C-alpha cells in the first residue's frame, strides 16, 4: 500500500517523506530476520528516490553475507546502466557495490562481481567494474586472516594447470 501511494503521488513531498519513514522502520524491524522480498523492494525504491542511506541499509539486510539474490543484482544493475552508461568513469563502485562485497568469503566476492558484470548491459560499465573489482579482490586476498572451506575450493578451481613437456 505504501509503495502504491508513493507511485501514485511521486511528486508529493509528504508522501515521499512518509514512505521513507515507513520503509526505514520496516527495515529496522526486520533486521533480526531478514525479509528478502521486502528488502529488495525497499532497495529498488530507495534507488529510484535517491535515498542512498536507505539503499545501503536495505542491501545490507538482504545480503547477510551471502551471494546476493539475482533480483537484487538485476535492480541495481538496471539502475547503474541507466545512470552511468554514458559516463562509466563516474561510477563510485564502492558506494553501489560495497555492501554486496562486505564478506570474508572470497567465493562470495568473486561470484557477486561476476553476477554484476553479467547483468550490466554496457561493455564500458562491465570493463569499469572489472578494473575496480580486481584490485579490491587482490587487496582482500592479501589481507585475509583466515579462509573458509569454500575459499579453499575457490583456490583449487582457479589453479593454473601445470604445463608439462613430453621431452
C-alpha atoms as a PDB file:
ATOM      1  CA  UNK A   1       0.000   0.000   0.000  1.00  0.00           C
ATOM      2  CA  UNK A   2       2.829   2.411   0.866  1.00  0.00           C
ATOM      3  CA  UNK A   3       4.570   1.620  -2.412  1.00  0.00           C
ATOM      4  CA  UNK A   4       1.324   2.169  -4.347  1.00  0.00           C
ATOM      5  CA  UNK A   5       0.708   5.529  -2.635  1.00  0.00           C
ATOM      6  CA  UNK A   6       4.222   6.606  -3.499  1.00  0.00           C
ATOM      7  CA  UNK A   7       3.860   5.544  -7.143  1.00  0.00           C
ATOM      8  CA  UNK A   8       0.547   7.433  -7.456  1.00  0.00           C
ATOM      9  CA  UNK A   9       1.814  10.594  -5.699  1.00  0.00           C
ATOM     10  CA  UNK A  10       5.514  10.578  -6.537  1.00  0.00           C
ATOM     11  CA  UNK A  11       5.828  14.377  -6.522  1.00  0.00           C
ATOM     12  CA  UNK A  12       4.247  14.880  -3.098  1.00  0.00           C
ATOM     13  CA  UNK A  13       6.904  15.641  -0.504  1.00  0.00           C
ATOM     14  CA  UNK A  14       4.588  14.481   2.285  1.00  0.00           C
ATOM     15  CA  UNK A  15       4.009  11.095   0.644  1.00  0.00           C
ATOM     16  CA  UNK A  16       7.705  10.748  -0.132  1.00  0.00           C
ATOM     17  CA  UNK A  17       8.627  11.588   3.466  1.00  0.00           C
ATOM     18  CA  UNK A  18       6.037   9.164   4.871  1.00  0.00           C
ATOM     19  CA  UNK A  19       7.192   6.418   2.523  1.00  0.00           C
ATOM     20  CA  UNK A  20      10.792   6.918   3.622  1.00  0.00           C
ATOM     21  CA  UNK A  21       9.776   6.720   7.281  1.00  0.00           C
ATOM     22  CA  UNK A  22       7.703   3.550   6.823  1.00  0.00           C
ATOM     23  CA  UNK A  23      10.410   1.795   4.809  1.00  0.00           C
ATOM     24  CA  UNK A  24      13.156   2.780   7.248  1.00  0.00           C
ATOM     25  CA  UNK A  25      11.089   1.450  10.175  1.00  0.00           C
ATOM     26  CA  UNK A  26      10.253  -1.741   8.269  1.00  0.00           C
ATOM     27  CA  UNK A  27      13.943  -2.415   7.727  1.00  0.00           C
ATOM     28  CA  UNK A  28      14.751  -1.715  11.366  1.00  0.00           C
ATOM     29  CA  UNK A  29      12.125  -4.207  12.499  1.00  0.00           C
ATOM     30  CA  UNK A  30      13.189  -6.877  10.009  1.00  0.00           C
ATOM     31  CA  UNK A  31      16.919  -6.677  10.676  1.00  0.00           C
ATOM     32  CA  UNK A  32      16.745  -9.638  13.074  1.00  0.00           C
ATOM     33  CA  UNK A  33      15.271 -11.951  10.474  1.00  0.00           C
ATOM     34  CA  UNK A  34      15.795 -10.502   7.012  1.00  0.00           C
ATOM     35  CA  UNK A  35      12.764 -10.327   4.785  1.00  0.00           C
ATOM     36  CA  UNK A  36      14.379 -10.701   1.385  1.00  0.00           C
ATOM     37  CA  UNK A  37      11.461  -9.612  -0.788  1.00  0.00           C
ATOM     38  CA  UNK A  38      10.793  -6.542   1.345  1.00  0.00           C
ATOM     39  CA  UNK A  39      14.472  -5.577   1.447  1.00  0.00           C
ATOM     40  CA  UNK A  40      14.755  -5.921  -2.347  1.00  0.00           C
ATOM     41  CA  UNK A  41      11.626  -3.791  -2.843  1.00  0.00           C
ATOM     42  CA  UNK A  42      12.944  -1.127  -0.490  1.00  0.00           C
ATOM     43  CA  UNK A  43      16.352  -1.135  -2.195  1.00  0.00           C
ATOM     44  CA  UNK A  44      14.680  -0.596  -5.569  1.00  0.00           C
ATOM     45  CA  UNK A  45      12.509   2.213  -4.220  1.00  0.00           C
ATOM     46  CA  UNK A  46      15.486   3.834  -2.480  1.00  0.00           C
ATOM     47  CA  UNK A  47      17.438   3.828  -5.751  1.00  0.00           C
ATOM     48  CA  UNK A  48      14.557   5.458  -7.608  1.00  0.00           C
ATOM     49  CA  UNK A  49      14.028   8.025  -4.868  1.00  0.00           C
ATOM     50  CA  UNK A  50      17.780   8.656  -4.495  1.00  0.00           C
ATOM     51  CA  UNK A  51      17.843   7.738  -0.806  1.00  0.00           C
ATOM     52  CA  UNK A  52      21.328   6.295  -0.683  1.00  0.00           C
ATOM     53  CA  UNK A  53      21.416   5.566   3.056  1.00  0.00           C
ATOM     54  CA  UNK A  54      18.190   3.584   2.838  1.00  0.00           C
ATOM     55  CA  UNK A  55      19.563   1.733  -0.207  1.00  0.00           C
ATOM     56  CA  UNK A  56      22.708   0.773   1.732  1.00  0.00           C
ATOM     57  CA  UNK A  57      20.646  -0.401   4.694  1.00  0.00           C
ATOM     58  CA  UNK A  58      18.259  -2.471   2.553  1.00  0.00           C
ATOM     59  CA  UNK A  59      21.081  -4.137   0.657  1.00  0.00           C
ATOM     60  CA  UNK A  60      22.914  -4.981   3.876  1.00  0.00           C
ATOM     61  CA  UNK A  61      19.809  -6.634   5.273  1.00  0.00           C
ATOM     62  CA  UNK A  62      19.090  -8.530   2.055  1.00  0.00           C
ATOM     63  CA  UNK A  63      22.579  -9.947   1.866  1.00  0.00           C
ATOM     64  CA  UNK A  64      23.551 -11.184   5.291  1.00  0.00           C
ATOM     65  CA  UNK A  65      26.984 -12.196   3.957  1.00  0.00           C
ATOM     66  CA  UNK A  66      25.733 -14.459   1.206  1.00  0.00           C
ATOM     67  CA  UNK A  67      25.658 -14.361  -2.573  1.00  0.00           C
ATOM     68  CA  UNK A  68      23.049 -11.715  -3.391  1.00  0.00           C
ATOM     69  CA  UNK A  69      19.672 -12.668  -4.801  1.00  0.00           C
ATOM     70  CA  UNK A  70      19.523 -12.352  -8.596  1.00  0.00           C
ATOM     71  CA  UNK A  71      16.539  -9.978  -8.435  1.00  0.00           C
ATOM     72  CA  UNK A  72      18.514  -7.523  -6.305  1.00  0.00           C
ATOM     73  CA  UNK A  73      21.525  -7.684  -8.639  1.00  0.00           C
ATOM     74  CA  UNK A  74      19.151  -7.045 -11.564  1.00  0.00           C
ATOM     75  CA  UNK A  75      17.604  -3.986  -9.884  1.00  0.00           C
ATOM     76  CA  UNK A  76      20.961  -2.428  -9.040  1.00  0.00           C
ATOM     77  CA  UNK A  77      22.432  -3.287 -12.472  1.00  0.00           C
ATOM     78  CA  UNK A  78      19.490  -1.625 -14.253  1.00  0.00           C
ATOM     79  CA  UNK A  79      19.977   1.460 -12.113  1.00  0.00           C
ATOM     80  CA  UNK A  80      23.697   1.590 -12.865  1.00  0.00           C
ATOM     81  CA  UNK A  81      23.091   1.062 -16.597  1.00  0.00           C
ATOM     82  CA  UNK A  82      20.534   3.877 -16.620  1.00  0.00           C
ATOM     83  CA  UNK A  83      22.581   6.285 -14.550  1.00  0.00           C
ATOM     84  CA  UNK A  84      26.118   5.649 -15.784  1.00  0.00           C
ATOM     85  CA  UNK A  85      26.051   4.015 -19.231  1.00  0.00           C
ATOM     86  CA  UNK A  86      27.163   7.264 -20.842  1.00  0.00           C
ATOM     87  CA  UNK A  87      29.818   8.023 -18.219  1.00  0.00           C
ATOM     88  CA  UNK A  88      31.187   4.799 -16.703  1.00  0.00           C
ATOM     89  CA  UNK A  89      34.153   6.638 -15.175  1.00  0.00           C
ATOM     90  CA  UNK A  90      31.768   8.463 -12.818  1.00  0.00           C
ATOM     91  CA  UNK A  91      30.593   5.297 -11.073  1.00  0.00           C
ATOM     92  CA  UNK A  92      31.588   5.082  -7.436  1.00  0.00           C
ATOM     93  CA  UNK A  93      31.669   1.268  -7.328  1.00  0.00           C
ATOM     94  CA  UNK A  94      32.382   1.214  -3.612  1.00  0.00           C
ATOM     95  CA  UNK A  95      29.218   3.191  -2.975  1.00  0.00           C
ATOM     96  CA  UNK A  96      26.981   0.991  -5.125  1.00  0.00           C
ATOM     97  CA  UNK A  97      28.543  -2.443  -4.655  1.00  0.00           C
ATOM     98  CA  UNK A  98      30.320  -2.041  -1.331  1.00  0.00           C
ATOM     99  CA  UNK A  99      27.530  -3.648   0.696  1.00  0.00           C
ATOM    100  CA  UNK A 100      27.499  -6.599  -1.690  1.00  0.00           C
ATOM    101  CA  UNK A 101      31.182  -7.226  -1.136  1.00  0.00           C
ATOM    102  CA  UNK A 102      31.354  -6.900   2.648  1.00  0.00           C
ATOM    103  CA  UNK A 103      32.137 -10.506   3.298  1.00  0.00           C
ATOM    104  CA  UNK A 104      35.155 -12.536   4.274  1.00  0.00           C
ATOM    105  CA  UNK A 105      34.363 -15.173   1.668  1.00  0.00           C
ATOM    106  CA  UNK A 106      36.426 -14.877  -1.486  1.00  0.00           C
ATOM    107  CA  UNK A 107      33.922 -17.111  -3.262  1.00  0.00           C
ATOM    108  CA  UNK A 108      31.048 -14.760  -2.471  1.00  0.00           C
ATOM    109  CA  UNK A 109      33.055 -11.699  -3.553  1.00  0.00           C
ATOM    110  CA  UNK A 110      34.086 -13.317  -6.831  1.00  0.00           C
ATOM    111  CA  UNK A 111      30.615 -14.719  -7.584  1.00  0.00           C
ATOM    112  CA  UNK A 112      28.950 -11.402  -6.791  1.00  0.00           C
ATOM    113  CA  UNK A 113      31.291  -9.442  -9.046  1.00  0.00           C
ATOM    114  CA  UNK A 114      30.732 -11.914 -11.877  1.00  0.00           C
ATOM    115  CA  UNK A 115      26.944 -11.658 -11.399  1.00  0.00           C
ATOM    116  CA  UNK A 116      27.071  -7.883 -11.739  1.00  0.00           C
ATOM    117  CA  UNK A 117      29.331  -7.994 -14.782  1.00  0.00           C
ATOM    118  CA  UNK A 118      26.911 -10.429 -16.438  1.00  0.00           C
ATOM    119  CA  UNK A 119      23.873  -8.255 -15.607  1.00  0.00           C
ATOM    120  CA  UNK A 120      25.311  -4.928 -16.736  1.00  0.00           C
ATOM    121  CA  UNK A 121      24.242  -4.206 -20.307  1.00  0.00           C
ATOM    122  CA  UNK A 122      27.013  -1.870 -21.400  1.00  0.00           C
ATOM    123  CA  UNK A 123      30.552  -3.038 -22.064  1.00  0.00           C
ATOM    124  CA  UNK A 124      32.174   0.179 -20.757  1.00  0.00           C
ATOM    125  CA  UNK A 125      30.415  -0.350 -17.406  1.00  0.00           C
ATOM    126  CA  UNK A 126      31.442  -4.021 -17.367  1.00  0.00           C
ATOM    127  CA  UNK A 127      35.043  -3.007 -18.063  1.00  0.00           C
ATOM    128  CA  UNK A 128      34.905  -0.289 -15.413  1.00  0.00           C
ATOM    129  CA  UNK A 129      33.640  -2.770 -12.827  1.00  0.00           C
ATOM    130  CA  UNK A 130      36.342  -5.303 -13.750  1.00  0.00           C
ATOM    131  CA  UNK A 131      39.019  -2.606 -13.434  1.00  0.00           C
ATOM    132  CA  UNK A 132      37.726  -1.601  -9.991  1.00  0.00           C
ATOM    133  CA  UNK A 133      36.993  -5.103  -8.676  1.00  0.00           C
ATOM    134  CA  UNK A 134      40.316  -6.806  -9.394  1.00  0.00           C
ATOM    135  CA  UNK A 135      42.473  -4.596  -7.135  1.00  0.00           C
ATOM    136  CA  UNK A 136      39.767  -4.839  -4.453  1.00  0.00           C
ATOM    137  CA  UNK A 137      39.828  -8.619  -4.671  1.00  0.00           C
ATOM    138  CA  UNK A 138      43.649  -8.694  -4.634  1.00  0.00           C
ATOM    139  CA  UNK A 139      43.732  -6.454  -1.580  1.00  0.00           C
ATOM    140  CA  UNK A 140      41.257  -8.691   0.243  1.00  0.00           C
ATOM    141  CA  UNK A 141      43.254 -11.755  -0.686  1.00  0.00           C
ATOM    142  CA  UNK A 142      46.467 -10.154   0.593  1.00  0.00           C
ATOM    143  CA  UNK A 143      44.943  -9.159   3.938  1.00  0.00           C
ATOM    144  CA  UNK A 144      42.668 -12.164   4.592  1.00  0.00           C
ATOM    145  CA  UNK A 145      43.351 -13.640   8.057  1.00  0.00           C
ATOM    146  CA  UNK A 146      41.502 -16.891   7.555  1.00  0.00           C
ATOM    147  CA  UNK A 147      39.806 -18.786   4.773  1.00  0.00           C
ATOM    148  CA  UNK A 148      36.605 -20.802   4.635  1.00  0.00           C
ATOM    149  CA  UNK A 149      36.184 -24.244   3.118  1.00  0.00           C
ATOM    150  CA  UNK A 150      34.569 -22.544   0.124  1.00  0.00           C
ATOM    151  CA  UNK A 151      37.659 -20.386  -0.272  1.00  0.00           C
ATOM    152  CA  UNK A 152      39.856 -23.467  -0.445  1.00  0.00           C
ATOM    153  CA  UNK A 153      37.598 -24.848  -3.173  1.00  0.00           C
ATOM    154  CA  UNK A 154      37.937 -21.499  -4.957  1.00  0.00           C
ATOM    155  CA  UNK A 155      41.729 -21.762  -4.870  1.00  0.00           C
ATOM    156  CA  UNK A 156      41.663 -25.311  -6.176  1.00  0.00           C
ATOM    157  CA  UNK A 157      39.304 -24.445  -9.027  1.00  0.00           C
ATOM    158  CA  UNK A 158      41.448 -21.477 -10.043  1.00  0.00           C
ATOM    159  CA  UNK A 159      44.850 -23.084 -10.002  1.00  0.00           C
ATOM    160  CA  UNK A 160      46.700 -22.630 -13.230  1.00  0.00           C
ATOM    161  CA  UNK A 161      47.314 -26.065 -14.733  1.00  0.00           C
ATOM    162  CA  UNK A 162      50.926 -27.096 -14.840  1.00  0.00           C
ATOM    163  CA  UNK A 163      52.219 -27.344 -18.380  1.00  0.00           C
ATOM    164  CA  UNK A 164      54.319 -30.443 -18.872  1.00  0.00           C
ATOM    165  CA  UNK A 165      56.580 -31.246 -21.702  1.00  0.00           C
ATOM    166  CA  UNK A 166      56.761 -34.660 -23.363  1.00  0.00           C
ATOM    167  CA  UNK A 167      60.500 -34.359 -23.930  1.00  0.00           C
END
